[in-house]
């Protein structure tokens, strides 16, 4: 991705959050210079990977495959005293056709919540033993506290306020329909380095072409402070 794409995506996300009266913690607004001048101990923020996360998953086409996320709280797998024993994120989805591609988690259970905006569409399959899509078995998932059985590959529509609980080994992809959407994720501790199994070869943290200066650091860039 180009740094200009990342900067633009974050500015768009901040604008959408303002529209829906959602405020971020202070570190969501700090620039690189602000981090360097602030004298703040950022070690816990860095270790638990809080903050901005913009990725095209290595697709080279952020408008179609990608997401802008902000991690509010998290812990570290294997370190129960660090951070929180749960994670929370905002996921800002571009309603112009952008999607997060099929993946599942080995350990993480997560609630995906439509916080505000347009519809959020989630497609689900069980994961087969060979890590492909199970085209036969029906996923059983909790939708706002009600257990539902879905057809393989069924498209589930979440209106604002609705949520679904995704357990391990559930392949899912999702996208906004009818406009931009602010989704939420509340989960067990999030480990983006080891707990994302993608259906197709994917880069979770993509390479960056530095075509303009950094405005806001990403969660994997705190070493630049």
C-alpha atoms as a PDB file:
ATOM      1  CA  UNK A   1       0.000   0.000   0.000  1.00  0.00           C
ATOM      2  CA  UNK A   2       0.980   3.600  -0.397  1.00  0.00           C
ATOM      3  CA  UNK A   3       1.328   5.707   2.731  1.00  0.00           C
ATOM      4  CA  UNK A   4      -1.004   8.207   1.090  1.00  0.00           C
ATOM      5  CA  UNK A   5      -3.726   5.519   0.965  1.00  0.00           C
ATOM      6  CA  UNK A   6      -3.197   4.762   4.648  1.00  0.00           C
ATOM      7  CA  UNK A   7      -3.302   8.430   5.648  1.00  0.00           C
ATOM      8  CA  UNK A   8      -6.478   8.971   3.610  1.00  0.00           C
ATOM      9  CA  UNK A   9      -8.135   5.862   5.060  1.00  0.00           C
ATOM     10  CA  UNK A  10      -7.455   7.010   8.625  1.00  0.00           C
ATOM     11  CA  UNK A  11      -8.756  10.515   7.934  1.00  0.00           C
ATOM     12  CA  UNK A  12     -11.904   9.015   6.394  1.00  0.00           C
ATOM     13  CA  UNK A  13     -12.323   6.727   9.407  1.00  0.00           C
ATOM     14  CA  UNK A  14     -11.932   9.613  11.864  1.00  0.00           C
ATOM     15  CA  UNK A  15     -14.561  11.558   9.962  1.00  0.00           C
ATOM     16  CA  UNK A  16     -17.000   8.635  10.033  1.00  0.00           C
ATOM     17  CA  UNK A  17     -16.458   8.135  13.757  1.00  0.00           C
ATOM     18  CA  UNK A  18     -17.152  11.829  14.363  1.00  0.00           C
ATOM     19  CA  UNK A  19     -20.341  11.511  12.288  1.00  0.00           C
ATOM     20  CA  UNK A  20     -21.590   8.808  14.636  1.00  0.00           C
ATOM     21  CA  UNK A  21     -20.294  10.585  17.761  1.00  0.00           C
ATOM     22  CA  UNK A  22     -17.704   7.929  18.527  1.00  0.00           C
ATOM     23  CA  UNK A  23     -14.578   9.244  20.246  1.00  0.00           C
ATOM     24  CA  UNK A  24     -11.206   7.520  20.377  1.00  0.00           C
ATOM     25  CA  UNK A  25      -8.702   7.448  23.242  1.00  0.00           C
ATOM     26  CA  UNK A  26      -5.924  10.028  23.096  1.00  0.00           C
ATOM     27  CA  UNK A  27      -3.508   7.797  21.197  1.00  0.00           C
ATOM     28  CA  UNK A  28      -5.946   7.626  18.285  1.00  0.00           C
ATOM     29  CA  UNK A  29      -5.176  11.255  17.503  1.00  0.00           C
ATOM     30  CA  UNK A  30      -1.429  11.389  18.168  1.00  0.00           C
ATOM     31  CA  UNK A  31       0.820  12.046  15.191  1.00  0.00           C
ATOM     32  CA  UNK A  32       4.312  10.593  14.915  1.00  0.00           C
ATOM     33  CA  UNK A  33       5.724  13.927  16.102  1.00  0.00           C
ATOM     34  CA  UNK A  34       3.220  13.930  18.952  1.00  0.00           C
ATOM     35  CA  UNK A  35       4.429  10.527  20.124  1.00  0.00           C
ATOM     36  CA  UNK A  36       8.040  11.677  20.012  1.00  0.00           C
ATOM     37  CA  UNK A  37       7.401  14.946  21.871  1.00  0.00           C
ATOM     38  CA  UNK A  38       4.826  13.718  24.352  1.00  0.00           C
ATOM     39  CA  UNK A  39       7.041  11.893  26.823  1.00  0.00           C
ATOM     40  CA  UNK A  40       4.376   9.204  27.171  1.00  0.00           C
ATOM     41  CA  UNK A  41       5.330   5.658  28.124  1.00  0.00           C
ATOM     42  CA  UNK A  42       3.877   3.868  25.116  1.00  0.00           C
ATOM     43  CA  UNK A  43       5.284   0.417  25.908  1.00  0.00           C
ATOM     44  CA  UNK A  44       1.938  -1.123  26.932  1.00  0.00           C
ATOM     45  CA  UNK A  45       0.188   0.356  23.895  1.00  0.00           C
ATOM     46  CA  UNK A  46       2.894  -1.044  21.632  1.00  0.00           C
ATOM     47  CA  UNK A  47       3.039  -4.472  23.274  1.00  0.00           C
ATOM     48  CA  UNK A  48      -0.716  -5.004  23.054  1.00  0.00           C
ATOM     49  CA  UNK A  49      -0.871  -3.467  19.548  1.00  0.00           C
ATOM     50  CA  UNK A  50      -3.436  -0.765  20.264  1.00  0.00           C
ATOM     51  CA  UNK A  51      -4.214   1.907  17.699  1.00  0.00           C
ATOM     52  CA  UNK A  52      -4.606   2.175  13.933  1.00  0.00           C
ATOM     53  CA  UNK A  53      -4.392  -0.801  11.606  1.00  0.00           C
ATOM     54  CA  UNK A  54      -4.860  -0.268   7.862  1.00  0.00           C
ATOM     55  CA  UNK A  55      -4.312  -3.164   5.484  1.00  0.00           C
ATOM     56  CA  UNK A  56      -5.113  -4.348   1.984  1.00  0.00           C
ATOM     57  CA  UNK A  57      -4.157  -7.907   3.004  1.00  0.00           C
ATOM     58  CA  UNK A  58      -1.495  -7.880   0.275  1.00  0.00           C
ATOM     59  CA  UNK A  59      -4.111  -7.531  -2.463  1.00  0.00           C
ATOM     60  CA  UNK A  60      -2.754  -4.328  -3.944  1.00  0.00           C
ATOM     61  CA  UNK A  61      -6.365  -3.144  -4.235  1.00  0.00           C
ATOM     62  CA  UNK A  62      -7.426  -1.512  -0.972  1.00  0.00           C
ATOM     63  CA  UNK A  63     -10.711  -0.306  -2.452  1.00  0.00           C
ATOM     64  CA  UNK A  64     -11.802  -3.930  -2.938  1.00  0.00           C
ATOM     65  CA  UNK A  65      -9.927  -5.946  -0.299  1.00  0.00           C
ATOM     66  CA  UNK A  66      -8.959  -4.211   2.912  1.00  0.00           C
ATOM     67  CA  UNK A  67     -10.063  -2.564   6.110  1.00  0.00           C
ATOM     68  CA  UNK A  68      -9.337   0.267   8.509  1.00  0.00           C
ATOM     69  CA  UNK A  69      -9.354  -0.875  12.120  1.00  0.00           C
ATOM     70  CA  UNK A  70      -8.700   0.707  15.491  1.00  0.00           C
ATOM     71  CA  UNK A  71      -7.831  -1.489  18.480  1.00  0.00           C
ATOM     72  CA  UNK A  72      -9.009   0.057  21.742  1.00  0.00           C
ATOM     73  CA  UNK A  73      -7.925  -2.639  24.193  1.00  0.00           C
ATOM     74  CA  UNK A  74      -6.149  -5.989  24.037  1.00  0.00           C
ATOM     75  CA  UNK A  75      -3.894  -8.357  25.902  1.00  0.00           C
ATOM     76  CA  UNK A  76      -1.023 -10.627  24.917  1.00  0.00           C
ATOM     77  CA  UNK A  77      -1.474 -14.357  24.446  1.00  0.00           C
ATOM     78  CA  UNK A  78       0.533 -16.197  27.112  1.00  0.00           C
ATOM     79  CA  UNK A  79       0.951 -13.078  29.281  1.00  0.00           C
ATOM     80  CA  UNK A  80      -2.192 -12.869  31.444  1.00  0.00           C
ATOM     81  CA  UNK A  81      -0.928  -9.857  33.407  1.00  0.00           C
ATOM     82  CA  UNK A  82      -0.383  -7.682  30.342  1.00  0.00           C
ATOM     83  CA  UNK A  83      -3.225  -5.551  29.052  1.00  0.00           C
ATOM     84  CA  UNK A  84      -6.757  -6.918  29.276  1.00  0.00           C
ATOM     85  CA  UNK A  85      -8.068 -10.512  29.000  1.00  0.00           C
ATOM     86  CA  UNK A  86     -10.231  -9.400  26.082  1.00  0.00           C
ATOM     87  CA  UNK A  87      -9.972  -7.200  22.996  1.00  0.00           C
ATOM     88  CA  UNK A  88     -12.116  -4.525  21.397  1.00  0.00           C
ATOM     89  CA  UNK A  89     -11.849  -2.930  17.960  1.00  0.00           C
ATOM     90  CA  UNK A  90     -13.662  -0.612  15.623  1.00  0.00           C
ATOM     91  CA  UNK A  91     -13.724  -1.783  12.015  1.00  0.00           C
ATOM     92  CA  UNK A  92     -14.496   0.945   9.503  1.00  0.00           C
ATOM     93  CA  UNK A  93     -15.835  -0.588   6.302  1.00  0.00           C
ATOM     94  CA  UNK A  94     -15.989   1.319   3.006  1.00  0.00           C
ATOM     95  CA  UNK A  95     -19.399   0.729   1.450  1.00  0.00           C
ATOM     96  CA  UNK A  96     -18.004   0.984  -2.070  1.00  0.00           C
ATOM     97  CA  UNK A  97     -17.313  -2.746  -2.344  1.00  0.00           C
ATOM     98  CA  UNK A  98     -14.423  -3.235   0.101  1.00  0.00           C
ATOM     99  CA  UNK A  99     -14.353  -6.552   1.960  1.00  0.00           C
ATOM    100  CA  UNK A 100     -12.340  -8.414   4.566  1.00  0.00           C
ATOM    101  CA  UNK A 101     -11.483 -11.765   2.928  1.00  0.00           C
ATOM    102  CA  UNK A 102     -12.312 -15.265   4.157  1.00  0.00           C
ATOM    103  CA  UNK A 103     -10.428 -16.292   7.287  1.00  0.00           C
ATOM    104  CA  UNK A 104     -10.971 -18.094  10.556  1.00  0.00           C
ATOM    105  CA  UNK A 105      -9.376 -18.100  13.999  1.00  0.00           C
ATOM    106  CA  UNK A 106      -7.924 -21.066  15.862  1.00  0.00           C
ATOM    107  CA  UNK A 107      -8.384 -19.657  19.368  1.00  0.00           C
ATOM    108  CA  UNK A 108     -10.298 -16.400  19.238  1.00  0.00           C
ATOM    109  CA  UNK A 109     -14.039 -16.124  19.778  1.00  0.00           C
ATOM    110  CA  UNK A 110     -15.407 -12.773  18.655  1.00  0.00           C
ATOM    111  CA  UNK A 111     -18.621 -10.824  18.517  1.00  0.00           C
ATOM    112  CA  UNK A 112     -18.955  -8.792  15.327  1.00  0.00           C
ATOM    113  CA  UNK A 113     -21.339  -5.893  15.929  1.00  0.00           C
ATOM    114  CA  UNK A 114     -22.845  -3.409  13.527  1.00  0.00           C
ATOM    115  CA  UNK A 115     -22.302  -0.256  15.581  1.00  0.00           C
ATOM    116  CA  UNK A 116     -23.571   2.353  13.113  1.00  0.00           C
ATOM    117  CA  UNK A 117     -24.111   3.121   9.455  1.00  0.00           C
ATOM    118  CA  UNK A 118     -25.317   0.838   6.699  1.00  0.00           C
ATOM    119  CA  UNK A 119     -25.844  -2.919   6.667  1.00  0.00           C
ATOM    120  CA  UNK A 120     -22.993  -5.300   7.502  1.00  0.00           C
ATOM    121  CA  UNK A 121     -22.995  -8.528   5.473  1.00  0.00           C
ATOM    122  CA  UNK A 122     -21.168 -11.600   6.789  1.00  0.00           C
ATOM    123  CA  UNK A 123     -20.749 -14.850   4.850  1.00  0.00           C
ATOM    124  CA  UNK A 124     -19.951 -17.973   6.874  1.00  0.00           C
ATOM    125  CA  UNK A 125     -18.753 -21.540   6.390  1.00  0.00           C
ATOM    126  CA  UNK A 126     -17.335 -24.134   8.723  1.00  0.00           C
ATOM    127  CA  UNK A 127     -13.641 -24.791   8.109  1.00  0.00           C
ATOM    128  CA  UNK A 128     -12.894 -28.232   6.675  1.00  0.00           C
ATOM    129  CA  UNK A 129      -9.993 -30.304   8.113  1.00  0.00           C
ATOM    130  CA  UNK A 130      -7.818 -29.320   5.126  1.00  0.00           C
ATOM    131  CA  UNK A 131      -8.488 -25.594   5.776  1.00  0.00           C
ATOM    132  CA  UNK A 132     -10.836 -25.253   2.806  1.00  0.00           C
ATOM    133  CA  UNK A 133     -14.481 -24.227   2.979  1.00  0.00           C
ATOM    134  CA  UNK A 134     -16.764 -26.990   4.249  1.00  0.00           C
ATOM    135  CA  UNK A 135     -19.487 -26.935   1.606  1.00  0.00           C
ATOM    136  CA  UNK A 136     -21.711 -29.458   3.388  1.00  0.00           C
ATOM    137  CA  UNK A 137     -22.015 -28.838   7.128  1.00  0.00           C
ATOM    138  CA  UNK A 138     -24.123 -26.018   8.543  1.00  0.00           C
ATOM    139  CA  UNK A 139     -22.515 -23.494  10.915  1.00  0.00           C
ATOM    140  CA  UNK A 140     -24.293 -23.005  14.248  1.00  0.00           C
ATOM    141  CA  UNK A 141     -23.821 -19.483  15.570  1.00  0.00           C
ATOM    142  CA  UNK A 142     -25.368 -17.153  18.127  1.00  0.00           C
ATOM    143  CA  UNK A 143     -27.117 -14.156  16.593  1.00  0.00           C
ATOM    144  CA  UNK A 144     -27.978 -11.642  19.323  1.00  0.00           C
ATOM    145  CA  UNK A 145     -28.332 -14.395  21.911  1.00  0.00           C
ATOM    146  CA  UNK A 146     -30.365 -16.758  19.704  1.00  0.00           C
ATOM    147  CA  UNK A 147     -28.747 -19.942  18.365  1.00  0.00           C
ATOM    148  CA  UNK A 148     -29.157 -20.201  14.599  1.00  0.00           C
ATOM    149  CA  UNK A 149     -28.156 -22.773  12.001  1.00  0.00           C
ATOM    150  CA  UNK A 150     -27.003 -21.308   8.718  1.00  0.00           C
ATOM    151  CA  UNK A 151     -26.541 -22.859   5.301  1.00  0.00           C
ATOM    152  CA  UNK A 152     -22.919 -23.165   4.120  1.00  0.00           C
ATOM    153  CA  UNK A 153     -22.010 -19.853   2.521  1.00  0.00           C
ATOM    154  CA  UNK A 154     -25.136 -18.094   3.736  1.00  0.00           C
ATOM    155  CA  UNK A 155     -25.041 -14.309   3.711  1.00  0.00           C
ATOM    156  CA  UNK A 156     -26.088 -12.894   7.083  1.00  0.00           C
ATOM    157  CA  UNK A 157     -27.278  -9.297   7.267  1.00  0.00           C
ATOM    158  CA  UNK A 158     -26.579  -7.311  10.420  1.00  0.00           C
ATOM    159  CA  UNK A 159     -28.530  -4.097  10.790  1.00  0.00           C
ATOM    160  CA  UNK A 160     -27.150  -1.401  13.128  1.00  0.00           C
ATOM    161  CA  UNK A 161     -27.261  -2.751  16.679  1.00  0.00           C
ATOM    162  CA  UNK A 162     -27.204  -6.418  15.662  1.00  0.00           C
ATOM    163  CA  UNK A 163     -24.304  -8.782  16.342  1.00  0.00           C
ATOM    164  CA  UNK A 164     -23.113 -12.322  15.727  1.00  0.00           C
ATOM    165  CA  UNK A 165     -20.734 -14.510  17.737  1.00  0.00           C
ATOM    166  CA  UNK A 166     -18.056 -16.205  15.629  1.00  0.00           C
ATOM    167  CA  UNK A 167     -16.370 -19.162  17.283  1.00  0.00           C
ATOM    168  CA  UNK A 168     -13.053 -20.748  16.218  1.00  0.00           C
ATOM    169  CA  UNK A 169     -12.919 -22.542  12.867  1.00  0.00           C
ATOM    170  CA  UNK A 170     -15.719 -20.492  11.317  1.00  0.00           C
ATOM    171  CA  UNK A 171     -14.631 -19.073   7.973  1.00  0.00           C
ATOM    172  CA  UNK A 172     -16.042 -15.589   7.519  1.00  0.00           C
ATOM    173  CA  UNK A 173     -15.765 -12.628   5.210  1.00  0.00           C
ATOM    174  CA  UNK A 174     -17.670  -9.392   5.564  1.00  0.00           C
ATOM    175  CA  UNK A 175     -18.450  -6.124   3.865  1.00  0.00           C
ATOM    176  CA  UNK A 176     -20.720  -3.087   4.133  1.00  0.00           C
ATOM    177  CA  UNK A 177     -23.787  -2.761   1.924  1.00  0.00           C
ATOM    178  CA  UNK A 178     -25.537   0.493   1.125  1.00  0.00           C
ATOM    179  CA  UNK A 179     -22.908   2.818   2.567  1.00  0.00           C
ATOM    180  CA  UNK A 180     -20.036   3.014   5.023  1.00  0.00           C
ATOM    181  CA  UNK A 181     -20.352   1.064   8.268  1.00  0.00           C
ATOM    182  CA  UNK A 182     -18.672   1.223  11.656  1.00  0.00           C
ATOM    183  CA  UNK A 183     -18.472  -2.327  12.964  1.00  0.00           C
ATOM    184  CA  UNK A 184     -17.257  -3.393  16.370  1.00  0.00           C
ATOM    185  CA  UNK A 185     -15.346  -6.452  17.455  1.00  0.00           C
ATOM    186  CA  UNK A 186     -15.352  -7.672  21.052  1.00  0.00           C
ATOM    187  CA  UNK A 187     -13.332 -10.833  21.532  1.00  0.00           C
ATOM    188  CA  UNK A 188     -10.934 -12.884  23.536  1.00  0.00           C
ATOM    189  CA  UNK A 189      -7.323 -11.686  23.305  1.00  0.00           C
ATOM    190  CA  UNK A 190      -6.437 -10.880  19.717  1.00  0.00           C
ATOM    191  CA  UNK A 191      -3.207 -12.161  18.127  1.00  0.00           C
ATOM    192  CA  UNK A 192      -2.969 -11.006  14.529  1.00  0.00           C
ATOM    193  CA  UNK A 193       0.426 -12.653  14.045  1.00  0.00           C
ATOM    194  CA  UNK A 194      -0.609 -16.285  14.585  1.00  0.00           C
ATOM    195  CA  UNK A 195      -4.404 -16.622  14.868  1.00  0.00           C
ATOM    196  CA  UNK A 196      -5.637 -15.601  11.407  1.00  0.00           C
ATOM    197  CA  UNK A 197      -5.954 -18.471   8.929  1.00  0.00           C
ATOM    198  CA  UNK A 198      -6.844 -17.102   5.497  1.00  0.00           C
ATOM    199  CA  UNK A 199      -8.457 -19.117   2.730  1.00  0.00           C
ATOM    200  CA  UNK A 200      -6.085 -17.651   0.140  1.00  0.00           C
ATOM    201  CA  UNK A 201      -2.464 -16.494   0.581  1.00  0.00           C
ATOM    202  CA  UNK A 202      -2.628 -13.164   2.383  1.00  0.00           C
ATOM    203  CA  UNK A 203      -0.382 -10.618   4.090  1.00  0.00           C
ATOM    204  CA  UNK A 204      -1.951  -9.501   7.362  1.00  0.00           C
ATOM    205  CA  UNK A 205       0.456  -6.553   7.614  1.00  0.00           C
ATOM    206  CA  UNK A 206       1.197  -5.295   4.140  1.00  0.00           C
ATOM    207  CA  UNK A 207       4.326  -3.576   2.851  1.00  0.00           C
ATOM    208  CA  UNK A 208       4.173   0.212   2.547  1.00  0.00           C
ATOM    209  CA  UNK A 209       5.398   2.561  -0.195  1.00  0.00           C
ATOM    210  CA  UNK A 210       6.360   5.744   1.676  1.00  0.00           C
ATOM    211  CA  UNK A 211       5.062   8.225  -0.895  1.00  0.00           C
ATOM    212  CA  UNK A 212       4.203  10.834   1.760  1.00  0.00           C
ATOM    213  CA  UNK A 213       5.014  11.420   5.444  1.00  0.00           C
ATOM    214  CA  UNK A 214       3.457   9.332   8.199  1.00  0.00           C
ATOM    215  CA  UNK A 215       0.617  11.064  10.028  1.00  0.00           C
ATOM    216  CA  UNK A 216      -0.552   8.338  12.419  1.00  0.00           C
ATOM    217  CA  UNK A 217       1.486   5.272  13.318  1.00  0.00           C
ATOM    218  CA  UNK A 218       0.055   1.819  12.692  1.00  0.00           C
ATOM    219  CA  UNK A 219       0.005  -0.851  15.394  1.00  0.00           C
ATOM    220  CA  UNK A 220       3.157  -2.484  14.016  1.00  0.00           C
ATOM    221  CA  UNK A 221       5.118   0.788  13.691  1.00  0.00           C
ATOM    222  CA  UNK A 222       5.706   1.919  17.269  1.00  0.00           C
ATOM    223  CA  UNK A 223       9.388   1.098  16.875  1.00  0.00           C
ATOM    224  CA  UNK A 224       9.651   4.323  14.859  1.00  0.00           C
ATOM    225  CA  UNK A 225       9.087   6.484  17.957  1.00  0.00           C
END
